[in-house]
C-alpha atoms as a PDB file:
ATOM      1  CA  MET A   1     131.542 186.082 318.260  1.00  0.00           C
ATOM      2  CA  THR A   2     128.002 186.034 319.628  1.00  0.00           C
ATOM      3  CA  HIS A   3     125.266 185.654 317.032  1.00  0.00           C
ATOM      4  CA  THR A   4     121.752 186.852 317.779  1.00  0.00           C
ATOM      5  CA  PRO A   5     118.710 187.350 315.535  1.00  0.00           C
ATOM      6  CA  GLU A   6     119.095 190.592 313.601  1.00  0.00           C
ATOM      7  CA  THR A   7     116.853 192.734 311.482  1.00  0.00           C
ATOM      8  CA  ALA A   8     117.175 192.515 307.726  1.00  0.00           C
ATOM      9  CA  GLN A   9     118.305 196.133 307.601  1.00  0.00           C
ATOM     10  CA  THR A  10     121.407 195.593 309.753  1.00  0.00           C
ATOM     11  CA  VAL A  11     123.190 193.137 307.455  1.00  0.00           C
ATOM     12  CA  THR A  12     124.223 194.397 304.006  1.00  0.00           C
ATOM     13  CA  GLN A  13     127.305 193.770 301.873  1.00  0.00           C
ATOM     14  CA  LYS A  14     128.745 194.592 298.473  1.00  0.00           C
ATOM     15  CA  ASP A  15     129.186 191.117 296.975  1.00  0.00           C
ATOM     16  CA  PRO A  16     127.899 187.625 297.760  1.00  0.00           C
ATOM     17  CA  TRP A  17     130.096 184.877 299.144  1.00  0.00           C
ATOM     18  CA  TYR A  18     130.238 181.535 297.293  1.00  0.00           C
ATOM     19  CA  ALA A  19     131.365 178.198 298.696  1.00  0.00           C
ATOM     20  CA  ILE A  20     132.572 176.693 295.416  1.00  0.00           C
ATOM     21  CA  PHE A  21     136.320 176.988 296.035  1.00  0.00           C
ATOM     22  CA  GLY A  22     136.291 175.923 299.655  1.00  0.00           C
ATOM     23  CA  GLY A  23     137.086 177.599 302.912  1.00  0.00           C
ATOM     24  CA  ARG A  24     134.905 178.431 305.865  1.00  0.00           C
ATOM     25  CA  PHE A  25     132.341 181.183 305.558  1.00  0.00           C
ATOM     26  CA  PRO A  26     134.054 184.398 306.739  1.00  0.00           C
ATOM     27  CA  GLY A  27     130.945 186.529 307.208  1.00  0.00           C
ATOM     28  CA  ASP A  28     129.299 187.664 310.421  1.00  0.00           C
ATOM     29  CA  GLN A  29     125.673 187.189 309.404  1.00  0.00           C
ATOM     30  CA  PRO A  30     123.490 185.936 312.246  1.00  0.00           C
ATOM     31  CA  PHE A  31     122.653 182.273 312.516  1.00  0.00           C
ATOM     32  CA  PHE A  32     118.916 183.059 312.552  1.00  0.00           C
ATOM     33  CA  TYR A  33     116.981 186.164 311.520  1.00  0.00           C
ATOM     34  CA  ASP A  34     113.848 187.488 313.188  1.00  0.00           C
ATOM     35  CA  PRO A  35     110.983 186.282 310.937  1.00  0.00           C
ATOM     36  CA  ASN A  36     108.860 189.276 311.943  1.00  0.00           C
ATOM     37  CA  GLU A  37     111.118 191.464 309.788  1.00  0.00           C
ATOM     38  CA  PHE A  38     109.909 189.925 306.509  1.00  0.00           C
ATOM     39  CA  ASP A  39     106.479 190.478 304.954  1.00  0.00           C
ATOM     40  CA  TRP A  40     106.607 187.221 302.991  1.00  0.00           C
ATOM     41  CA  VAL A  41     106.627 185.196 306.226  1.00  0.00           C
ATOM     42  CA  ALA A  42     102.946 186.003 306.809  1.00  0.00           C
ATOM     43  CA  VAL A  43     102.146 185.087 303.190  1.00  0.00           C
ATOM     44  CA  PHE A  44     103.351 181.531 303.786  1.00  0.00           C
ATOM     45  CA  GLU A  45     102.210 181.091 307.373  1.00  0.00           C
ATOM     46  CA  SER A  46      98.665 182.280 306.652  1.00  0.00           C
ATOM     47  CA  GLN A  47      98.286 179.601 303.951  1.00  0.00           C
ATOM     48  CA  TRP A  48     100.432 176.842 305.400  1.00  0.00           C
ATOM     49  CA  GLU A  49      97.662 174.248 305.727  1.00  0.00           C
ATOM     50  CA  THR A  50      96.633 174.683 302.087  1.00  0.00           C
ATOM     51  CA  ILE A  51     100.291 174.493 301.039  1.00  0.00           C
ATOM     52  CA  ARG A  52     100.722 171.309 303.086  1.00  0.00           C
ATOM     53  CA  ASP A  53      97.576 169.701 301.711  1.00  0.00           C
ATOM     54  CA  GLU A  54      98.488 170.404 298.075  1.00  0.00           C
ATOM     55  CA  LEU A  55     102.019 169.057 298.475  1.00  0.00           C
ATOM     56  CA  PHE A  56     100.982 165.977 300.419  1.00  0.00           C
ATOM     57  CA  ALA A  57      98.164 165.192 297.982  1.00  0.00           C
ATOM     58  CA  LEU A  58     100.616 165.276 295.072  1.00  0.00           C
ATOM     59  CA  THR A  59     103.243 163.146 296.801  1.00  0.00           C
ATOM     60  CA  GLN A  60     100.656 160.625 297.983  1.00  0.00           C
ATOM     61  CA  ILE A  61      99.350 160.117 294.452  1.00  0.00           C
ATOM     62  CA  GLU A  62     102.806 160.181 292.848  1.00  0.00           C
ATOM     63  CA  PRO A  63     105.399 159.384 295.534  1.00  0.00           C
ATOM     64  CA  GLU A  64     108.117 158.972 292.913  1.00  0.00           C
ATOM     65  CA  ARG A  65     108.259 162.754 292.594  1.00  0.00           C
ATOM     66  CA  VAL A  66     110.086 162.865 295.943  1.00  0.00           C
ATOM     67  CA  LYS A  67     113.675 161.760 295.342  1.00  0.00           C
ATOM     68  CA  PRO A  68     116.878 161.532 297.398  1.00  0.00           C
ATOM     69  CA  TYR A  69     118.916 164.726 297.376  1.00  0.00           C
ATOM     70  CA  ASP A  70     120.971 164.177 294.253  1.00  0.00           C
ATOM     71  CA  PHE A  71     123.948 166.525 294.374  1.00  0.00           C
ATOM     72  CA  ASN A  72     125.780 164.925 297.289  1.00  0.00           C
ATOM     73  CA  HIS A  73     124.589 161.575 298.654  1.00  0.00           C
ATOM     74  CA  ALA A  74     126.993 161.894 301.577  1.00  0.00           C
ATOM     75  CA  MET A  75     124.984 164.852 302.841  1.00  0.00           C
ATOM     76  CA  SER A  76     122.658 162.619 304.887  1.00  0.00           C
ATOM     77  CA  PHE A  77     123.063 159.593 307.123  1.00  0.00           C
ATOM     78  CA  PRO A  78     121.934 157.003 306.406  1.00  0.00           C
ATOM     79  CA  PRO A  79     122.573 157.885 302.757  1.00  0.00           C
ATOM     80  CA  LEU A  80     119.534 158.752 300.629  1.00  0.00           C
ATOM     81  CA  HIS A  81     117.341 159.472 303.677  1.00  0.00           C
ATOM     82  CA  TRP A  82     117.029 163.172 302.853  1.00  0.00           C
ATOM     83  CA  LYS A  83     114.539 163.551 300.006  1.00  0.00           C
ATOM     84  CA  THR A  84     113.202 166.525 298.083  1.00  0.00           C
ATOM     85  CA  MET A  85     110.689 167.580 295.456  1.00  0.00           C
ATOM     86  CA  GLY A  86     111.523 170.830 293.689  1.00  0.00           C
ATOM     87  CA  LEU A  87     109.081 173.480 292.544  1.00  0.00           C
ATOM     88  CA  LYS A  88     111.618 176.180 291.719  1.00  0.00           C
ATOM     89  CA  PHE A  89     115.357 175.645 291.444  1.00  0.00           C
ATOM     90  CA  TRP A  90     117.595 178.709 291.423  1.00  0.00           C
ATOM     91  CA  GLY A  91     115.363 180.674 289.089  1.00  0.00           C
ATOM     92  CA  ILE A  92     114.019 177.717 287.092  1.00  0.00           C
ATOM     93  CA  ARG A  93     110.326 176.967 287.578  1.00  0.00           C
ATOM     94  CA  ILE A  94     109.541 173.248 287.680  1.00  0.00           C
ATOM     95  CA  HIS A  95     106.196 173.368 285.911  1.00  0.00           C
ATOM     96  CA  LYS A  96     105.193 169.731 286.361  1.00  0.00           C
ATOM     97  CA  ASN A  97     105.086 170.224 290.130  1.00  0.00           C
ATOM     98  CA  LEU A  98     103.961 173.865 290.252  1.00  0.00           C
ATOM     99  CA  ASP A  99     100.932 173.084 288.094  1.00  0.00           C
ATOM    100  CA  ARG A 100      99.723 170.707 290.808  1.00  0.00           C
ATOM    101  CA  CYS A 101     100.322 173.145 293.676  1.00  0.00           C
ATOM    102  CA  PRO A 102      98.423 176.323 292.735  1.00  0.00           C
ATOM    103  CA  THR A 103      98.876 178.074 296.072  1.00  0.00           C
ATOM    104  CA  LEU A 104     102.658 177.908 295.880  1.00  0.00           C
ATOM    105  CA  ALA A 105     102.554 178.717 292.162  1.00  0.00           C
ATOM    106  CA  GLY A 106     100.653 181.906 292.961  1.00  0.00           C
ATOM    107  CA  ILE A 107     103.094 182.906 295.687  1.00  0.00           C
ATOM    108  CA  LEU A 108     106.089 182.370 293.409  1.00  0.00           C
ATOM    109  CA  GLU A 109     104.454 184.341 290.604  1.00  0.00           C
ATOM    110  CA  ALA A 110     103.858 187.274 292.951  1.00  0.00           C
ATOM    111  CA  ARG A 111     107.275 187.038 294.626  1.00  0.00           C
ATOM    112  CA  PRO A 112     110.066 186.806 292.025  1.00  0.00           C
ATOM    113  CA  GLU A 113     112.641 187.366 294.775  1.00  0.00           C
ATOM    114  CA  ILE A 114     111.975 183.753 295.848  1.00  0.00           C
ATOM    115  CA  THR A 115     114.629 181.958 293.808  1.00  0.00           C
ATOM    116  CA  SER A 116     114.138 178.360 295.015  1.00  0.00           C
ATOM    117  CA  LEU A 117     111.438 176.304 296.706  1.00  0.00           C
ATOM    118  CA  SER A 118     111.132 172.609 297.468  1.00  0.00           C
ATOM    119  CA  LEU A 119     109.483 170.070 299.716  1.00  0.00           C
ATOM    120  CA  SER A 120     112.078 168.526 302.031  1.00  0.00           C
ATOM    121  CA  ILE A 121     111.553 165.130 303.673  1.00  0.00           C
ATOM    122  CA  LEU A 122     113.838 163.780 306.390  1.00  0.00           C
ATOM    123  CA  GLU A 123     113.152 160.109 306.986  1.00  0.00           C
ATOM    124  CA  PRO A 124     112.890 158.579 310.492  1.00  0.00           C
ATOM    125  CA  HIS A 125     116.128 158.008 312.422  1.00  0.00           C
ATOM    126  CA  SER A 126     118.310 160.030 310.083  1.00  0.00           C
ATOM    127  CA  ASN A 127     120.178 163.288 309.959  1.00  0.00           C
ATOM    128  CA  ILE A 128     121.559 165.835 307.516  1.00  0.00           C
ATOM    129  CA  ASN A 129     125.270 166.160 308.155  1.00  0.00           C
ATOM    130  CA  PRO A 130     126.825 169.531 309.068  1.00  0.00           C
ATOM    131  CA  HIS A 131     127.467 171.585 305.950  1.00  0.00           C
ATOM    132  CA  GLN A 132     127.592 175.103 304.543  1.00  0.00           C
ATOM    133  CA  GLY A 133     125.274 176.330 301.811  1.00  0.00           C
ATOM    134  CA  ASP A 134     126.475 177.570 298.436  1.00  0.00           C
ATOM    135  CA  THR A 135     126.079 181.314 299.044  1.00  0.00           C
ATOM    136  CA  ASP A 136     125.048 183.941 301.562  1.00  0.00           C
ATOM    137  CA  ALA A 137     123.105 185.917 298.930  1.00  0.00           C
ATOM    138  CA  VAL A 138     119.754 184.562 300.132  1.00  0.00           C
ATOM    139  CA  TYR A 139     117.687 184.224 303.263  1.00  0.00           C
ATOM    140  CA  ARG A 140     116.999 180.507 303.588  1.00  0.00           C
ATOM    141  CA  CYS A 141     113.688 179.576 305.157  1.00  0.00           C
ATOM    142  CA  HIS A 142     112.010 176.453 306.555  1.00  0.00           C
ATOM    143  CA  LEU A 143     108.213 176.262 306.844  1.00  0.00           C
ATOM    144  CA  GLY A 144     107.191 173.395 309.100  1.00  0.00           C
ATOM    145  CA  LEU A 145     104.557 171.077 307.580  1.00  0.00           C
ATOM    146  CA  LYS A 146     104.932 167.908 309.635  1.00  0.00           C
ATOM    147  CA  VAL A 147     107.094 167.976 312.748  1.00  0.00           C
ATOM    148  CA  PRO A 148     106.910 164.616 314.555  1.00  0.00           C
ATOM    149  CA  ALA A 149     108.496 165.833 317.811  1.00  0.00           C
ATOM    150  CA  PRO A 150     110.211 168.846 319.380  1.00  0.00           C
ATOM    151  CA  LEU A 151     113.787 168.924 320.626  1.00  0.00           C
ATOM    152  CA  PRO A 152     115.784 166.900 321.408  1.00  0.00           C
ATOM    153  CA  ASP A 153     114.384 164.195 319.105  1.00  0.00           C
ATOM    154  CA  CYS A 154     113.829 166.368 316.046  1.00  0.00           C
ATOM    155  CA  GLY A 155     115.633 169.626 315.495  1.00  0.00           C
ATOM    156  CA  PHE A 156     117.789 172.021 313.550  1.00  0.00           C
ATOM    157  CA  GLN A 157     121.085 173.707 314.407  1.00  0.00           C
ATOM    158  CA  VAL A 158     122.761 176.703 312.766  1.00  0.00           C
ATOM    159  CA  GLY A 159     126.140 177.521 314.258  1.00  0.00           C
ATOM    160  CA  THR A 160     125.618 177.144 317.996  1.00  0.00           C
ATOM    161  CA  ASP A 161     121.882 177.954 317.939  1.00  0.00           C
ATOM    162  CA  ILE A 162     119.569 174.917 318.223  1.00  0.00           C
ATOM    163  CA  ARG A 163     115.832 175.150 317.507  1.00  0.00           C
ATOM    164  CA  SER A 164     112.731 173.066 316.917  1.00  0.00           C
ATOM    165  CA  TRP A 165     110.599 173.375 313.832  1.00  0.00           C
ATOM    166  CA  GLU A 166     106.948 174.209 314.430  1.00  0.00           C
ATOM    167  CA  GLU A 167     104.122 173.320 312.087  1.00  0.00           C
ATOM    168  CA  GLY A 168     102.914 176.447 310.302  1.00  0.00           C
ATOM    169  CA  LYS A 169     105.895 178.547 311.411  1.00  0.00           C
ATOM    170  CA  ILE A 170     108.968 179.734 309.517  1.00  0.00           C
ATOM    171  CA  LEU A 171     112.622 179.715 310.534  1.00  0.00           C
ATOM    172  CA  VAL A 172     114.807 182.214 308.635  1.00  0.00           C
ATOM    173  CA  PHE A 173     118.562 181.630 308.722  1.00  0.00           C
ATOM    174  CA  CYS A 174     121.877 182.205 306.972  1.00  0.00           C
ATOM    175  CA  ASP A 175     122.505 179.190 304.746  1.00  0.00           C
ATOM    176  CA  ALA A 176     126.229 179.945 304.550  1.00  0.00           C
ATOM    177  CA  GLN A 177     126.637 179.287 308.271  1.00  0.00           C
ATOM    178  CA  THR A 178     127.318 175.647 309.167  1.00  0.00           C
ATOM    179  CA  HIS A 179     124.041 173.860 309.866  1.00  0.00           C
ATOM    180  CA  THR A 180     122.675 170.383 310.510  1.00  0.00           C
ATOM    181  CA  ALA A 181     119.308 168.684 311.062  1.00  0.00           C
ATOM    182  CA  TRP A 182     118.094 165.453 312.619  1.00  0.00           C
ATOM    183  CA  ASN A 183     114.961 163.364 313.007  1.00  0.00           C
ATOM    184  CA  GLN A 184     115.323 160.607 315.596  1.00  0.00           C
ATOM    185  CA  THR A 185     111.613 159.722 315.619  1.00  0.00           C
ATOM    186  CA  ASP A 186     109.566 156.998 313.954  1.00  0.00           C
ATOM    187  CA  GLU A 187     107.882 159.410 311.509  1.00  0.00           C
ATOM    188  CA  ARG A 188     108.919 161.586 308.594  1.00  0.00           C
ATOM    189  CA  ARG A 189     109.703 165.262 309.092  1.00  0.00           C
ATOM    190  CA  ALA A 190     108.463 167.545 306.287  1.00  0.00           C
ATOM    191  CA  VAL A 191     109.240 171.207 305.675  1.00  0.00           C
ATOM    192  CA  VAL A 192     109.112 173.599 302.741  1.00  0.00           C
ATOM    193  CA  ILE A 193     112.563 175.034 302.041  1.00  0.00           C
ATOM    194  CA  PHE A 194     112.692 178.296 300.133  1.00  0.00           C
ATOM    195  CA  ASP A 195     115.273 180.979 299.384  1.00  0.00           C
ATOM    196  CA  VAL A 196     114.617 184.712 299.189  1.00  0.00           C
ATOM    197  CA  MET A 197     117.214 186.876 297.470  1.00  0.00           C
ATOM    198  CA  ARG A 198     118.536 189.556 299.804  1.00  0.00           C
ATOM    199  CA  PRO A 199     117.445 193.074 298.739  1.00  0.00           C
ATOM    200  CA  GLU A 200     120.958 194.312 297.957  1.00  0.00           C
ATOM    201  CA  PHE A 201     121.422 191.467 295.454  1.00  0.00           C
ATOM    202  CA  GLN A 202     118.005 191.341 293.761  1.00  0.00           C
ATOM    203  CA  ASN A 203     119.245 193.237 290.694  1.00  0.00           C
ATOM    204  CA  ARG A 204     121.823 190.444 290.229  1.00  0.00           C
ATOM    205  CA  THR A 205     119.494 187.489 290.764  1.00  0.00           C
ATOM    206  CA  ARG A 206     120.095 185.699 287.468  1.00  0.00           C
ATOM    207  CA  GLY A 207     123.868 185.895 287.775  1.00  0.00           C
ATOM    208  CA  ILE A 208     123.809 184.634 291.360  1.00  0.00           C
ATOM    209  CA  CYS A 209     121.567 181.737 290.359  1.00  0.00           C
ATOM    210  CA  THR A 210     124.032 180.720 287.641  1.00  0.00           C
ATOM    211  CA  HIS A 211     126.894 180.822 290.155  1.00  0.00           C
ATOM    212  CA  VAL A 212     125.043 178.484 292.503  1.00  0.00           C
ATOM    213  CA  MET A 213     123.810 176.090 289.810  1.00  0.00           C
ATOM    214  CA  ALA A 214     127.332 175.761 288.425  1.00  0.00           C
ATOM    215  CA  SER A 215     128.624 175.176 291.948  1.00  0.00           C
ATOM    216  CA  MET A 216     126.133 172.370 292.566  1.00  0.00           C
ATOM    217  CA  ILE A 217     126.938 170.628 289.274  1.00  0.00           C
ATOM    218  CA  ILE A 218     130.663 170.890 290.003  1.00  0.00           C
ATOM    219  CA  GLN A 219     130.054 169.428 293.461  1.00  0.00           C
ATOM    220  CA  LYS A 220     128.264 166.449 291.935  1.00  0.00           C
ATOM    221  CA  MET A 221     130.888 165.938 289.229  1.00  0.00           C
ATOM    222  CA  TYR A 222     133.783 165.972 291.688  1.00  0.00           C
ATOM    223  CA  SER A 223     131.917 163.766 294.144  1.00  0.00           C
ATOM    224  CA  ASN A 224     131.482 161.125 291.439  1.00  0.00           C
ATOM    225  CA  SER A 225     134.896 161.342 289.737  1.00  0.00           C
ATOM    226  CA  ALA A 226     138.230 160.506 291.347  1.00  0.00           C
ATOM    227  CA  TRP A 227     139.889 161.599 288.091  1.00  0.00           C
ATOM    228  CA  LEU A 228     138.516 165.134 288.428  1.00  0.00           C
ATOM    229  CA  ARG A 229     139.528 165.332 292.069  1.00  0.00           C
ATOM    230  CA  GLN A 230     143.135 164.755 290.985  1.00  0.00           C
ATOM    231  CA  ARG A 231     143.143 167.600 288.445  1.00  0.00           C
ATOM    232  CA  ARG A 232     144.678 171.010 289.063  1.00  0.00           C
ATOM    233  CA  ALA A 233     142.560 173.874 290.375  1.00  0.00           C
ATOM    234  CA  TRP A 234     142.397 175.592 286.973  1.00  0.00           C
ATOM    235  CA  VAL A 235     140.346 172.686 285.604  1.00  0.00           C
ATOM    236  CA  LYS A 236     137.689 173.300 288.231  1.00  0.00           C
ATOM    237  CA  ARG A 237     137.648 177.028 287.479  1.00  0.00           C
ATOM    238  CA  TRP A 238     137.399 176.391 283.736  1.00  0.00           C
ATOM    239  CA  LEU A 239     134.467 174.012 284.191  1.00  0.00           C
ATOM    240  CA  TYR A 240     132.803 176.414 286.591  1.00  0.00           C
ATOM    241  CA  THR A 241     133.057 179.353 284.188  1.00  0.00           C
ATOM    242  CA  GLY A 242     131.701 177.320 281.286  1.00  0.00           C
ATOM    243  CA  LEU A 243     128.751 176.067 283.307  1.00  0.00           C
ATOM    244  CA  ARG A 244     127.925 179.566 284.528  1.00  0.00           C
ATOM    245  CA  LEU A 245     127.783 180.911 280.985  1.00  0.00           C
ATOM    246  CA  GLY A 246     125.622 178.016 279.876  1.00  0.00           C
ATOM    247  CA  PHE A 247     123.168 178.389 282.737  1.00  0.00           C
ATOM    248  CA  TYR A 248     122.854 182.138 282.130  1.00  0.00           C
ATOM    249  CA  ALA A 249     121.270 181.355 278.750  1.00  0.00           C
ATOM    250  CA  TYR A 250     119.483 178.221 279.954  1.00  0.00           C
ATOM    251  CA  ILE A 251     117.394 179.770 282.761  1.00  0.00           C
ATOM    252  CA  PRO A 252     115.129 182.001 280.595  1.00  0.00           C
ATOM    253  CA  TYR A 253     114.896 179.326 277.896  1.00  0.00           C
ATOM    254  CA  LYS A 254     113.820 176.663 280.385  1.00  0.00           C
ATOM    255  CA  ASN A 255     111.229 178.922 281.995  1.00  0.00           C
ATOM    256  CA  LYS A 256     109.696 179.768 278.621  1.00  0.00           C
ATOM    257  CA  PHE A 257     109.792 176.390 276.904  1.00  0.00           C
ATOM    258  CA  GLY A 258     110.218 173.850 279.716  1.00  0.00           C
ATOM    259  CA  ALA A 259     107.996 170.770 279.696  1.00  0.00           C
ATOM    260  CA  ARG A 260     104.957 170.790 281.963  1.00  0.00           C
ATOM    261  CA  ARG A 261     104.753 167.023 282.465  1.00  0.00           C
END
């Protein structure tokens, strides 16, 4: 099948797909979408330098806020060379970081359809291994902040489509399609990663967020426990259901009472 950029209006479906129980993504969503189809692209691109400056100022003063991606250390090579700092995580606002980045805080307040947002750092001479995202319910986006080189030294591939990041520009893609990234330069690559809930699923945002959060916790648990990996499939489903129910109550509580430090 040939994948080309499509308009947001051409791809709709009844239910989201989730990666939790394995299997390749069966959908026919495009690898990349045309960013001109989305009004929120201009919101980010018009303020990208301010966004960059606020994030870099925070991470320069407190570099410990940027930590290796924690849910699957095998995701990058060398291990721990993909690092992130979250500002919103599947519906949960991370106040201690948002309070220091007022431009992004304002965008997220005005755009509740943005379910996640983080700073993503890929260290020199490293790559993010090919993988599928947790769901196709969102448009995943990369806003280039620091791009040390174009292709072939630094780039991003979704399916068979290979592209360079550009500073101040957004790539919009289907996170459920297999994708990989690399930085074979002597400098860090930095992008903002954010997810926008697809219009047909926005009335189910909280439930979708709980699905994905439970999936990520399960992924981490099974990655760290040989005992769990030997259990029958019903154990995984039982844990998954329990986590989903817990997160459904946790998200509004955390947003209302979560610590700001």
